[in-house]
Amino acid sequence: MSLENEIKNILNDFESATPETIIDVLNQIKLHFKSALISEYLQGKIQKIRDSDDEQEKMKQCKALLPYFDWYLQGL
């Protein structure tokens, strides 16, 4: 499945996505940023999600990163 399709699937049905799936997609998006600063910032956010033990908190943090999905779809 293409990255674009994965993003659309998550955006269309966020509630059924897992934090691991969302992190995987964010890691793929991160590679497309032209600014190392943005990539490093996103990596920090991803690490914070991974470090959390609370699934609800992980999903809350993942939801806050959904604008990255929109940016990717709009062509960064």
PDB file of N, CA and C in Angstrom:
ATOM      1  N   MET A   1       0.861  -1.175   0.000  1.00  0.00           N
ATOM      2  CA  MET A   1       0.000   0.000   0.000  1.00  0.00           C
ATOM      3  C   MET A   1       0.904   1.235   0.000  1.00  0.00           C
ATOM      4  N   SER A   2       0.518   2.216  -0.783  1.00  0.00           N
ATOM      5  CA  SER A   2       1.315   3.438  -0.849  1.00  0.00           C
ATOM      6  C   SER A   2       1.158   4.255   0.429  1.00  0.00           C
ATOM      7  N   LEU A   3       2.129   5.103   0.665  1.00  0.00           N
ATOM      8  CA  LEU A   3       2.083   5.964   1.850  1.00  0.00           C
ATOM      9  C   LEU A   3       0.841   6.840   1.810  1.00  0.00           C
ATOM     10  N   GLU A   4       0.516   7.358   0.654  1.00  0.00           N
ATOM     11  CA  GLU A   4      -0.682   8.197   0.512  1.00  0.00           C
ATOM     12  C   GLU A   4      -1.938   7.437   0.922  1.00  0.00           C
ATOM     13  N   ASN A   5      -2.048   6.200   0.493  1.00  0.00           N
ATOM     14  CA  ASN A   5      -3.218   5.392   0.850  1.00  0.00           C
ATOM     15  C   ASN A   5      -3.250   5.068   2.339  1.00  0.00           C
ATOM     16  N   GLU A   6      -2.083   4.796   2.921  1.00  0.00           N
ATOM     17  CA  GLU A   6      -2.023   4.534   4.366  1.00  0.00           C
ATOM     18  C   GLU A   6      -2.500   5.752   5.147  1.00  0.00           C
ATOM     19  N   ILE A   7      -2.050   6.933   4.723  1.00  0.00           N
ATOM     20  CA  ILE A   7      -2.451   8.174   5.392  1.00  0.00           C
ATOM     21  C   ILE A   7      -3.958   8.366   5.284  1.00  0.00           C
ATOM     22  N   LYS A   8      -4.500   8.184   4.094  1.00  0.00           N
ATOM     23  CA  LYS A   8      -5.942   8.362   3.897  1.00  0.00           C
ATOM     24  C   LYS A   8      -6.742   7.374   4.737  1.00  0.00           C
ATOM     25  N   ASN A   9      -6.268   6.138   4.819  1.00  0.00           N
ATOM     26  CA  ASN A   9      -6.966   5.135   5.636  1.00  0.00           C
ATOM     27  C   ASN A   9      -6.995   5.541   7.103  1.00  0.00           C
ATOM     28  N   ILE A  10      -5.879   6.041   7.603  1.00  0.00           N
ATOM     29  CA  ILE A  10      -5.829   6.464   9.001  1.00  0.00           C
ATOM     30  C   ILE A  10      -6.722   7.681   9.221  1.00  0.00           C
ATOM     31  N   LEU A  11      -6.673   8.643   8.317  1.00  0.00           N
ATOM     32  CA  LEU A  11      -7.505   9.833   8.460  1.00  0.00           C
ATOM     33  C   LEU A  11      -8.995   9.503   8.388  1.00  0.00           C
ATOM     34  N   ASN A  12      -9.349   8.528   7.553  1.00  0.00           N
ATOM     35  CA  ASN A  12     -10.753   8.148   7.405  1.00  0.00           C
ATOM     36  C   ASN A  12     -11.278   7.336   8.582  1.00  0.00           C
ATOM     37  N   ASP A  13     -10.389   6.617   9.267  1.00  0.00           N
ATOM     38  CA  ASP A  13     -10.823   5.772  10.382  1.00  0.00           C
ATOM     39  C   ASP A  13      -9.770   5.788  11.486  1.00  0.00           C
ATOM     40  N   PHE A  14      -9.558   6.959  12.050  1.00  0.00           N
ATOM     41  CA  PHE A  14      -8.512   7.141  13.065  1.00  0.00           C
ATOM     42  C   PHE A  14      -8.722   6.227  14.266  1.00  0.00           C
ATOM     43  N   GLU A  15      -9.954   6.038  14.672  1.00  0.00           N
ATOM     44  CA  GLU A  15     -10.252   5.264  15.880  1.00  0.00           C
ATOM     45  C   GLU A  15      -9.791   3.809  15.777  1.00  0.00           C
ATOM     46  N   SER A  16      -9.709   3.260  14.587  1.00  0.00           N
ATOM     47  CA  SER A  16      -9.291   1.863  14.465  1.00  0.00           C
ATOM     48  C   SER A  16      -7.790   1.722  14.213  1.00  0.00           C
ATOM     49  N   ALA A  17      -7.105   2.833  14.025  1.00  0.00           N
ATOM     50  CA  ALA A  17      -5.654   2.788  13.820  1.00  0.00           C
ATOM     51  C   ALA A  17      -4.946   2.566  15.155  1.00  0.00           C
ATOM     52  N   THR A  18      -3.826   1.883  15.103  1.00  0.00           N
ATOM     53  CA  THR A  18      -3.031   1.674  16.315  1.00  0.00           C
ATOM     54  C   THR A  18      -1.924   2.728  16.371  1.00  0.00           C
ATOM     55  N   PRO A  19      -1.453   3.038  17.565  1.00  0.00           N
ATOM     56  CA  PRO A  19      -0.336   3.979  17.671  1.00  0.00           C
ATOM     57  C   PRO A  19       0.886   3.520  16.869  1.00  0.00           C
ATOM     58  N   GLU A  20       1.120   2.216  16.820  1.00  0.00           N
ATOM     59  CA  GLU A  20       2.259   1.689  16.088  1.00  0.00           C
ATOM     60  C   GLU A  20       2.126   1.972  14.586  1.00  0.00           C
ATOM     61  N   THR A  21       0.923   1.818  14.062  1.00  0.00           N
ATOM     62  CA  THR A  21       0.682   2.103  12.649  1.00  0.00           C
ATOM     63  C   THR A  21       0.887   3.583  12.362  1.00  0.00           C
ATOM     64  N   ILE A  22       0.374   4.413  13.228  1.00  0.00           N
ATOM     65  CA  ILE A  22       0.505   5.858  13.051  1.00  0.00           C
ATOM     66  C   ILE A  22       1.970   6.267  13.126  1.00  0.00           C
ATOM     67  N   ILE A  23       2.711   5.714  14.077  1.00  0.00           N
ATOM     68  CA  ILE A  23       4.137   6.011  14.201  1.00  0.00           C
ATOM     69  C   ILE A  23       4.891   5.570  12.957  1.00  0.00           C
ATOM     70  N   ASP A  24       4.551   4.410  12.433  1.00  0.00           N
ATOM     71  CA  ASP A  24       5.199   3.917  11.211  1.00  0.00           C
ATOM     72  C   ASP A  24       5.000   4.907  10.066  1.00  0.00           C
ATOM     73  N   VAL A  25       3.790   5.397   9.907  1.00  0.00           N
ATOM     74  CA  VAL A  25       3.490   6.361   8.848  1.00  0.00           C
ATOM     75  C   VAL A  25       4.218   7.680   9.106  1.00  0.00           C
ATOM     76  N   LEU A  26       4.239   8.131  10.350  1.00  0.00           N
ATOM     77  CA  LEU A  26       4.954   9.371  10.682  1.00  0.00           C
ATOM     78  C   LEU A  26       6.446   9.240  10.372  1.00  0.00           C
ATOM     79  N   ASN A  27       7.016   8.077  10.640  1.00  0.00           N
ATOM     80  CA  ASN A  27       8.428   7.852  10.318  1.00  0.00           C
ATOM     81  C   ASN A  27       8.670   7.931   8.812  1.00  0.00           C
ATOM     82  N   GLN A  28       7.730   7.457   8.027  1.00  0.00           N
ATOM     83  CA  GLN A  28       7.860   7.549   6.571  1.00  0.00           C
ATOM     84  C   GLN A  28       7.718   8.998   6.100  1.00  0.00           C
ATOM     85  N   ILE A  29       6.787   9.728   6.686  1.00  0.00           N
ATOM     86  CA  ILE A  29       6.587  11.134   6.336  1.00  0.00           C
ATOM     87  C   ILE A  29       7.830  11.942   6.690  1.00  0.00           C
ATOM     88  N   LYS A  30       8.415  11.635   7.834  1.00  0.00           N
ATOM     89  CA  LYS A  30       9.580  12.368   8.334  1.00  0.00           C
ATOM     90  C   LYS A  30      10.703  12.410   7.296  1.00  0.00           C
ATOM     91  N   LEU A  31      10.842  11.367   6.525  1.00  0.00           N
ATOM     92  CA  LEU A  31      11.903  11.287   5.515  1.00  0.00           C
ATOM     93  C   LEU A  31      11.714  12.284   4.380  1.00  0.00           C
ATOM     94  N   HIS A  32      10.511  12.819   4.223  1.00  0.00           N
ATOM     95  CA  HIS A  32      10.206  13.726   3.109  1.00  0.00           C
ATOM     96  C   HIS A  32      10.394  15.201   3.450  1.00  0.00           C
ATOM     97  N   PHE A  33      10.637  15.511   4.707  1.00  0.00           N
ATOM     98  CA  PHE A  33      10.818  16.913   5.073  1.00  0.00           C
ATOM     99  C   PHE A  33      12.170  17.413   4.589  1.00  0.00           C
ATOM    100  N   LYS A  34      12.195  18.625   4.098  1.00  0.00           N
ATOM    101  CA  LYS A  34      13.437  19.226   3.614  1.00  0.00           C
ATOM    102  C   LYS A  34      14.245  19.822   4.756  1.00  0.00           C
ATOM    103  N   SER A  35      13.601  20.113   5.862  1.00  0.00           N
ATOM    104  CA  SER A  35      14.259  20.722   7.011  1.00  0.00           C
ATOM    105  C   SER A  35      14.603  19.651   8.051  1.00  0.00           C
ATOM    106  N   ALA A  36      15.874  19.572   8.405  1.00  0.00           N
ATOM    107  CA  ALA A  36      16.296  18.622   9.433  1.00  0.00           C
ATOM    108  C   ALA A  36      15.671  18.983  10.776  1.00  0.00           C
ATOM    109  N   LEU A  37      15.460  20.256  11.007  1.00  0.00           N
ATOM    110  CA  LEU A  37      14.877  20.708  12.271  1.00  0.00           C
ATOM    111  C   LEU A  37      13.462  20.147  12.458  1.00  0.00           C
ATOM    112  N   ILE A  38      12.673  20.176  11.399  1.00  0.00           N
ATOM    113  CA  ILE A  38      11.312  19.629  11.471  1.00  0.00           C
ATOM    114  C   ILE A  38      11.364  18.124  11.690  1.00  0.00           C
ATOM    115  N   SER A  39      12.249  17.439  10.983  1.00  0.00           N
ATOM    116  CA  SER A  39      12.389  15.990  11.143  1.00  0.00           C
ATOM    117  C   SER A  39      12.798  15.627  12.567  1.00  0.00           C
ATOM    118  N   GLU A  40      13.728  16.396  13.139  1.00  0.00           N
ATOM    119  CA  GLU A  40      14.173  16.139  14.501  1.00  0.00           C
ATOM    120  C   GLU A  40      13.044  16.406  15.500  1.00  0.00           C
ATOM    121  N   TYR A  41      12.280  17.460  15.275  1.00  0.00           N
ATOM    122  CA  TYR A  41      11.146  17.770  16.145  1.00  0.00           C
ATOM    123  C   TYR A  41      10.132  16.623  16.123  1.00  0.00           C
ATOM    124  N   LEU A  42       9.812  16.158  14.917  1.00  0.00           N
ATOM    125  CA  LEU A  42       8.859  15.064  14.786  1.00  0.00           C
ATOM    126  C   LEU A  42       9.407  13.794  15.430  1.00  0.00           C
ATOM    127  N   GLN A  43      10.694  13.539  15.288  1.00  0.00           N
ATOM    128  CA  GLN A  43      11.295  12.364  15.915  1.00  0.00           C
ATOM    129  C   GLN A  43      11.152  12.425  17.431  1.00  0.00           C
ATOM    130  N   GLY A  44      11.303  13.603  18.003  1.00  0.00           N
ATOM    131  CA  GLY A  44      11.119  13.772  19.444  1.00  0.00           C
ATOM    132  C   GLY A  44       9.695  13.456  19.866  1.00  0.00           C
ATOM    133  N   LYS A  45       8.728  13.905  19.068  1.00  0.00           N
ATOM    134  CA  LYS A  45       7.318  13.622  19.364  1.00  0.00           C
ATOM    135  C   LYS A  45       7.033  12.121  19.251  1.00  0.00           C
ATOM    136  N   ILE A  46       7.606  11.490  18.239  1.00  0.00           N
ATOM    137  CA  ILE A  46       7.426  10.041  18.057  1.00  0.00           C
ATOM    138  C   ILE A  46       8.009   9.291  19.250  1.00  0.00           C
ATOM    139  N   GLN A  47       9.182   9.697  19.699  1.00  0.00           N
ATOM    140  CA  GLN A  47       9.812   9.037  20.836  1.00  0.00           C
ATOM    141  C   GLN A  47       8.977   9.193  22.100  1.00  0.00           C
ATOM    142  N   LYS A  48       8.376  10.360  22.273  1.00  0.00           N
ATOM    143  CA  LYS A  48       7.518  10.587  23.436  1.00  0.00           C
ATOM    144  C   LYS A  48       6.329   9.623  23.419  1.00  0.00           C
ATOM    145  N   ILE A  49       5.767   9.388  22.245  1.00  0.00           N
ATOM    146  CA  ILE A  49       4.658   8.438  22.116  1.00  0.00           C
ATOM    147  C   ILE A  49       5.133   7.039  22.465  1.00  0.00           C
ATOM    148  N   ARG A  50       6.276   6.650  21.926  1.00  0.00           N
ATOM    149  CA  ARG A  50       6.812   5.310  22.202  1.00  0.00           C
ATOM    150  C   ARG A  50       7.100   5.102  23.683  1.00  0.00           C
ATOM    151  N   ASP A  51       7.538   6.149  24.357  1.00  0.00           N
ATOM    152  CA  ASP A  51       7.906   6.033  25.765  1.00  0.00           C
ATOM    153  C   ASP A  51       6.697   5.934  26.691  1.00  0.00           C
ATOM    154  N   SER A  52       5.534   6.325  26.216  1.00  0.00           N
ATOM    155  CA  SER A  52       4.330   6.306  27.038  1.00  0.00           C
ATOM    156  C   SER A  52       3.814   4.873  27.204  1.00  0.00           C
ATOM    157  N   ASP A  53       3.346   4.569  28.400  1.00  0.00           N
ATOM    158  CA  ASP A  53       2.764   3.252  28.678  1.00  0.00           C
ATOM    159  C   ASP A  53       1.244   3.264  28.569  1.00  0.00           C
ATOM    160  N   ASP A  54       0.655   4.435  28.523  1.00  0.00           N
ATOM    161  CA  ASP A  54      -0.792   4.602  28.511  1.00  0.00           C
ATOM    162  C   ASP A  54      -1.297   4.684  27.066  1.00  0.00           C
ATOM    163  N   GLU A  55      -2.109   3.707  26.660  1.00  0.00           N
ATOM    164  CA  GLU A  55      -2.611   3.658  25.283  1.00  0.00           C
ATOM    165  C   GLU A  55      -3.460   4.878  24.932  1.00  0.00           C
ATOM    166  N   GLN A  56      -4.272   5.343  25.886  1.00  0.00           N
ATOM    167  CA  GLN A  56      -5.100   6.526  25.624  1.00  0.00           C
ATOM    168  C   GLN A  56      -4.231   7.752  25.400  1.00  0.00           C
ATOM    169  N   GLU A  57      -3.180   7.880  26.171  1.00  0.00           N
ATOM    170  CA  GLU A  57      -2.255   9.012  26.015  1.00  0.00           C
ATOM    171  C   GLU A  57      -1.535   8.921  24.670  1.00  0.00           C
ATOM    172  N   LYS A  58      -1.155   7.711  24.273  1.00  0.00           N
ATOM    173  CA  LYS A  58      -0.508   7.521  22.970  1.00  0.00           C
ATOM    174  C   LYS A  58      -1.425   8.003  21.849  1.00  0.00           C
ATOM    175  N   MET A  59      -2.691   7.605  21.918  1.00  0.00           N
ATOM    176  CA  MET A  59      -3.633   8.001  20.868  1.00  0.00           C
ATOM    177  C   MET A  59      -3.869   9.509  20.879  1.00  0.00           C
ATOM    178  N   LYS A  60      -3.912  10.100  22.054  1.00  0.00           N
ATOM    179  CA  LYS A  60      -4.076  11.545  22.164  1.00  0.00           C
ATOM    180  C   LYS A  60      -2.898  12.262  21.507  1.00  0.00           C
ATOM    181  N   GLN A  61      -1.697  11.782  21.770  1.00  0.00           N
ATOM    182  CA  GLN A  61      -0.506  12.380  21.174  1.00  0.00           C
ATOM    183  C   GLN A  61      -0.456  12.137  19.664  1.00  0.00           C
ATOM    184  N   CYS A  62      -0.884  10.960  19.236  1.00  0.00           N
ATOM    185  CA  CYS A  62      -0.933  10.667  17.797  1.00  0.00           C
ATOM    186  C   CYS A  62      -1.911  11.607  17.092  1.00  0.00           C
ATOM    187  N   LYS A  63      -3.059  11.828  17.720  1.00  0.00           N
ATOM    188  CA  LYS A  63      -4.065  12.707  17.125  1.00  0.00           C
ATOM    189  C   LYS A  63      -3.517  14.122  16.942  1.00  0.00           C
ATOM    190  N   ALA A  64      -2.683  14.560  17.866  1.00  0.00           N
ATOM    191  CA  ALA A  64      -2.084  15.895  17.773  1.00  0.00           C
ATOM    192  C   ALA A  64      -1.116  16.007  16.594  1.00  0.00           C
ATOM    193  N   LEU A  65      -0.650  14.870  16.086  1.00  0.00           N
ATOM    194  CA  LEU A  65       0.304  14.881  14.979  1.00  0.00           C
ATOM    195  C   LEU A  65      -0.355  14.665  13.612  1.00  0.00           C
ATOM    196  N   LEU A  66      -1.674  14.573  13.582  1.00  0.00           N
ATOM    197  CA  LEU A  66      -2.373  14.371  12.315  1.00  0.00           C
ATOM    198  C   LEU A  66      -2.141  15.487  11.290  1.00  0.00           C
ATOM    199  N   PRO A  67      -1.857  16.720  11.689  1.00  0.00           N
ATOM    200  CA  PRO A  67      -1.559  17.735  10.666  1.00  0.00           C
ATOM    201  C   PRO A  67      -0.392  17.359   9.757  1.00  0.00           C
ATOM    202  N   TYR A  68       0.534  16.547  10.265  1.00  0.00           N
ATOM    203  CA  TYR A  68       1.626  16.085   9.403  1.00  0.00           C
ATOM    204  C   TYR A  68       1.082  15.248   8.250  1.00  0.00           C
ATOM    205  N   PHE A  69       0.030  14.502   8.483  1.00  0.00           N
ATOM    206  CA  PHE A  69      -0.595  13.707   7.424  1.00  0.00           C
ATOM    207  C   PHE A  69      -1.166  14.643   6.354  1.00  0.00           C
ATOM    208  N   ASP A  70      -1.864  15.681   6.812  1.00  0.00           N
ATOM    209  CA  ASP A  70      -2.438  16.647   5.874  1.00  0.00           C
ATOM    210  C   ASP A  70      -1.349  17.341   5.063  1.00  0.00           C
ATOM    211  N   TRP A  71      -0.270  17.731   5.737  1.00  0.00           N
ATOM    212  CA  TRP A  71       0.831  18.400   5.036  1.00  0.00           C
ATOM    213  C   TRP A  71       1.419  17.507   3.963  1.00  0.00           C
ATOM    214  N   TYR A  72       1.570  16.216   4.278  1.00  0.00           N
ATOM    215  CA  TYR A  72       2.112  15.297   3.293  1.00  0.00           C
ATOM    216  C   TYR A  72       1.184  15.214   2.081  1.00  0.00           C
ATOM    217  N   LEU A  73      -0.109  15.085   2.342  1.00  0.00           N
ATOM    218  CA  LEU A  73      -1.067  14.965   1.247  1.00  0.00           C
ATOM    219  C   LEU A  73      -1.126  16.225   0.390  1.00  0.00           C
ATOM    220  N   GLN A  74      -0.812  17.365   1.001  1.00  0.00           N
ATOM    221  CA  GLN A  74      -0.823  18.634   0.264  1.00  0.00           C
ATOM    222  C   GLN A  74       0.503  18.908  -0.443  1.00  0.00           C
ATOM    223  N   GLY A  75       1.455  18.018  -0.270  1.00  0.00           N
ATOM    224  CA  GLY A  75       2.732  18.164  -0.971  1.00  0.00           C
ATOM    225  C   GLY A  75       3.824  18.793  -0.137  1.00  0.00           C
ATOM    226  N   LEU A  76       3.703  18.738   1.166  1.00  0.00           N
ATOM    227  CA  LEU A  76       4.692  19.309   2.084  1.00  0.00           C
ATOM    228  C   LEU A  76       5.014  20.702   1.628  1.00  0.00           C
TER     229      LEU A  76
END
